[in-house]
Amino acid sequence: MKKYKKWWITIGIVLILCVIGYVYWFVIPKHTANKAVDNYIAEQKIKSNQIETKVIKKDWKMGGYLTTIVFKDDPNLKYEYSYDERYEFPHHIYVLVFKDGSSQEDDQVKHPPLQEQND
């Protein structure tokens, strides 16, 4: 049993490092992105009970996280909140709105992006 003790310690250390890496590179950034989207929506004066669906996922192509939201009062449009720390926009979020796959102008939506995005 003593000759396997070093192997068990090594496997334990590797597993602990894997868990720490997963939390550091995926869990914490996803939580940060989710909080940023919530703050952005609050700044847009949108209440959480107006949200019909909200899906957050890692954006592997561009980096950061992409949160897709459909609002109850605007069900035909998909609002995409793209979070990336490299953005200089408020809360590091850039918003695009889509209807049937084509992007919409800010004056065509009920919940336009914050003014700082358009400057």
C-alpha atoms as a PDB file:
ATOM      1  CA  MET A   1       0.000   0.000   0.000  1.00  0.00           C
ATOM      2  CA  LYS A   2       2.905   2.352   0.707  1.00  0.00           C
ATOM      3  CA  LYS A   3       4.204   2.173  -2.847  1.00  0.00           C
ATOM      4  CA  TYR A   4       0.864   3.551  -4.142  1.00  0.00           C
ATOM      5  CA  LYS A   5       0.764   6.409  -1.637  1.00  0.00           C
ATOM      6  CA  LYS A   6       2.812   8.715  -3.908  1.00  0.00           C
ATOM      7  CA  TRP A   7       0.471   7.978  -6.835  1.00  0.00           C
ATOM      8  CA  TRP A   8      -2.629   8.830  -4.787  1.00  0.00           C
ATOM      9  CA  ILE A   9      -1.057  12.083  -3.602  1.00  0.00           C
ATOM     10  CA  THR A  10      -0.083  12.990  -7.173  1.00  0.00           C
ATOM     11  CA  ILE A  11      -3.567  12.195  -8.519  1.00  0.00           C
ATOM     12  CA  GLY A  12      -5.141  14.195  -5.683  1.00  0.00           C
ATOM     13  CA  ILE A  13      -2.972  17.224  -6.393  1.00  0.00           C
ATOM     14  CA  VAL A  14      -3.750  17.059 -10.134  1.00  0.00           C
ATOM     15  CA  LEU A  15      -7.491  16.853  -9.442  1.00  0.00           C
ATOM     16  CA  ILE A  16      -7.345  19.810  -7.050  1.00  0.00           C
ATOM     17  CA  LEU A  17      -5.432  21.869  -9.641  1.00  0.00           C
ATOM     18  CA  CYS A  18      -7.998  20.960 -12.306  1.00  0.00           C
ATOM     19  CA  VAL A  19     -10.869  22.114 -10.096  1.00  0.00           C
ATOM     20  CA  ILE A  20      -9.066  25.368  -9.246  1.00  0.00           C
ATOM     21  CA  GLY A  21      -8.354  25.999 -12.956  1.00  0.00           C
ATOM     22  CA  TYR A  22     -11.973  25.345 -13.925  1.00  0.00           C
ATOM     23  CA  VAL A  23     -13.257  27.754 -11.281  1.00  0.00           C
ATOM     24  CA  TYR A  24     -10.692  30.410 -12.218  1.00  0.00           C
ATOM     25  CA  TRP A  25     -11.178  30.275 -16.007  1.00  0.00           C
ATOM     26  CA  PHE A  26     -14.874  29.455 -16.318  1.00  0.00           C
ATOM     27  CA  VAL A  27     -16.999  29.851 -13.171  1.00  0.00           C
ATOM     28  CA  ILE A  28     -15.735  33.237 -11.998  1.00  0.00           C
ATOM     29  CA  PRO A  29     -15.786  34.906 -15.472  1.00  0.00           C
ATOM     30  CA  LYS A  30     -19.301  33.567 -16.154  1.00  0.00           C
ATOM     31  CA  HIS A  31     -20.516  34.955 -12.823  1.00  0.00           C
ATOM     32  CA  THR A  32     -18.854  38.307 -13.584  1.00  0.00           C
ATOM     33  CA  ALA A  33     -20.492  38.430 -17.030  1.00  0.00           C
ATOM     34  CA  ASN A  34     -23.891  37.556 -15.577  1.00  0.00           C
ATOM     35  CA  LYS A  35     -23.599  40.337 -12.966  1.00  0.00           C
ATOM     36  CA  ALA A  36     -22.518  42.827 -15.664  1.00  0.00           C
ATOM     37  CA  VAL A  37     -25.552  41.962 -17.796  1.00  0.00           C
ATOM     38  CA  ASP A  38     -27.846  42.323 -14.778  1.00  0.00           C
ATOM     39  CA  ASN A  39     -26.342  45.748 -14.004  1.00  0.00           C
ATOM     40  CA  TYR A  40     -26.649  46.811 -17.651  1.00  0.00           C
ATOM     41  CA  ILE A  41     -30.302  45.759 -17.767  1.00  0.00           C
ATOM     42  CA  ALA A  42     -30.976  47.613 -14.512  1.00  0.00           C
ATOM     43  CA  GLU A  43     -29.386  50.724 -16.026  1.00  0.00           C
ATOM     44  CA  GLN A  44     -31.711  50.321 -19.026  1.00  0.00           C
ATOM     45  CA  LYS A  45     -34.611  50.487 -16.513  1.00  0.00           C
ATOM     46  CA  ILE A  46     -35.717  46.927 -17.306  1.00  0.00           C
ATOM     47  CA  LYS A  47     -37.103  44.821 -14.481  1.00  0.00           C
ATOM     48  CA  SER A  48     -36.224  41.140 -14.147  1.00  0.00           C
ATOM     49  CA  ASN A  49     -39.905  40.140 -14.381  1.00  0.00           C
ATOM     50  CA  GLN A  50     -39.921  41.452 -17.978  1.00  0.00           C
ATOM     51  CA  ILE A  51     -37.487  38.722 -19.057  1.00  0.00           C
ATOM     52  CA  GLU A  52     -39.057  35.721 -20.777  1.00  0.00           C
ATOM     53  CA  THR A  53     -35.864  33.761 -21.462  1.00  0.00           C
ATOM     54  CA  LYS A  54     -32.215  34.343 -20.611  1.00  0.00           C
ATOM     55  CA  VAL A  55     -29.385  32.113 -21.868  1.00  0.00           C
ATOM     56  CA  ILE A  56     -25.717  32.786 -21.099  1.00  0.00           C
ATOM     57  CA  LYS A  57     -22.951  30.892 -22.858  1.00  0.00           C
ATOM     58  CA  LYS A  58     -19.242  31.149 -23.536  1.00  0.00           C
ATOM     59  CA  ASP A  59     -18.411  32.859 -26.830  1.00  0.00           C
ATOM     60  CA  TRP A  60     -15.546  30.679 -28.034  1.00  0.00           C
ATOM     61  CA  LYS A  61     -15.018  32.556 -31.319  1.00  0.00           C
ATOM     62  CA  MET A  62     -14.831  36.124 -30.043  1.00  0.00           C
ATOM     63  CA  GLY A  63     -14.045  35.575 -26.372  1.00  0.00           C
ATOM     64  CA  GLY A  64     -16.116  36.663 -23.413  1.00  0.00           C
ATOM     65  CA  TYR A  65     -19.715  35.602 -22.831  1.00  0.00           C
ATOM     66  CA  LEU A  66     -22.893  36.026 -24.844  1.00  0.00           C
ATOM     67  CA  THR A  67     -26.234  36.428 -23.092  1.00  0.00           C
ATOM     68  CA  THR A  68     -29.344  36.084 -25.253  1.00  0.00           C
ATOM     69  CA  ILE A  69     -32.518  37.568 -23.789  1.00  0.00           C
ATOM     70  CA  VAL A  70     -36.100  37.624 -25.021  1.00  0.00           C
ATOM     71  CA  PHE A  71     -38.382  40.089 -23.258  1.00  0.00           C
ATOM     72  CA  LYS A  72     -42.070  39.460 -22.597  1.00  0.00           C
ATOM     73  CA  ASP A  73     -43.072  42.848 -24.033  1.00  0.00           C
ATOM     74  CA  ASP A  74     -40.923  42.365 -27.164  1.00  0.00           C
ATOM     75  CA  PRO A  75     -41.116  38.599 -27.935  1.00  0.00           C
ATOM     76  CA  ASN A  76     -40.174  38.788 -31.642  1.00  0.00           C
ATOM     77  CA  LEU A  77     -36.705  40.187 -30.935  1.00  0.00           C
ATOM     78  CA  LYS A  78     -33.585  38.563 -29.485  1.00  0.00           C
ATOM     79  CA  TYR A  79     -31.320  40.876 -27.526  1.00  0.00           C
ATOM     80  CA  GLU A  80     -27.697  39.734 -27.478  1.00  0.00           C
ATOM     81  CA  TYR A  81     -25.596  41.177 -24.678  1.00  0.00           C
ATOM     82  CA  SER A  82     -21.959  40.468 -25.507  1.00  0.00           C
ATOM     83  CA  TYR A  83     -19.639  40.752 -22.486  1.00  0.00           C
ATOM     84  CA  ASP A  84     -15.901  41.127 -22.923  1.00  0.00           C
ATOM     85  CA  GLU A  85     -13.536  42.897 -20.548  1.00  0.00           C
ATOM     86  CA  ARG A  86     -11.739  44.441 -23.519  1.00  0.00           C
ATOM     87  CA  TYR A  87     -14.836  46.536 -24.440  1.00  0.00           C
ATOM     88  CA  GLU A  88     -14.794  50.167 -23.375  1.00  0.00           C
ATOM     89  CA  PHE A  89     -18.599  50.276 -23.291  1.00  0.00           C
ATOM     90  CA  PRO A  90     -20.595  50.547 -20.052  1.00  0.00           C
ATOM     91  CA  HIS A  91     -20.197  47.356 -18.003  1.00  0.00           C
ATOM     92  CA  HIS A  92     -18.008  45.961 -20.858  1.00  0.00           C
ATOM     93  CA  ILE A  93     -21.178  45.047 -22.793  1.00  0.00           C
ATOM     94  CA  TYR A  94     -22.122  45.544 -26.434  1.00  0.00           C
ATOM     95  CA  VAL A  95     -25.784  45.003 -27.347  1.00  0.00           C
ATOM     96  CA  LEU A  96     -27.171  43.793 -30.676  1.00  0.00           C
ATOM     97  CA  VAL A  97     -30.831  43.108 -31.400  1.00  0.00           C
ATOM     98  CA  PHE A  98     -32.025  40.567 -33.970  1.00  0.00           C
ATOM     99  CA  LYS A  99     -35.356  39.775 -35.577  1.00  0.00           C
ATOM    100  CA  ASP A 100     -35.469  36.634 -37.719  1.00  0.00           C
ATOM    101  CA  GLY A 101     -31.682  36.690 -38.026  1.00  0.00           C
ATOM    102  CA  SER A 102     -31.267  40.286 -39.175  1.00  0.00           C
ATOM    103  CA  SER A 103     -30.049  43.054 -36.930  1.00  0.00           C
ATOM    104  CA  GLN A 104     -32.369  45.879 -35.927  1.00  0.00           C
ATOM    105  CA  GLU A 105     -31.683  49.578 -35.583  1.00  0.00           C
ATOM    106  CA  ASP A 106     -31.930  51.181 -32.139  1.00  0.00           C
ATOM    107  CA  ASP A 107     -35.116  53.080 -33.022  1.00  0.00           C
ATOM    108  CA  GLN A 108     -36.870  49.800 -33.990  1.00  0.00           C
ATOM    109  CA  VAL A 109     -36.609  48.201 -30.527  1.00  0.00           C
ATOM    110  CA  LYS A 110     -38.353  48.773 -27.201  1.00  0.00           C
ATOM    111  CA  HIS A 111     -35.158  48.445 -25.148  1.00  0.00           C
ATOM    112  CA  PRO A 112     -32.359  50.232 -27.047  1.00  0.00           C
ATOM    113  CA  PRO A 113     -28.721  50.033 -25.901  1.00  0.00           C
ATOM    114  CA  LEU A 114     -27.411  52.667 -23.515  1.00  0.00           C
ATOM    115  CA  GLN A 115     -26.426  55.938 -25.154  1.00  0.00           C
ATOM    116  CA  GLU A 116     -22.707  55.437 -24.422  1.00  0.00           C
ATOM    117  CA  GLN A 117     -22.618  52.527 -26.890  1.00  0.00           C
ATOM    118  CA  ASN A 118     -23.695  54.791 -29.748  1.00  0.00           C
ATOM    119  CA  ASP A 119     -21.138  57.542 -29.107  1.00  0.00           C
END
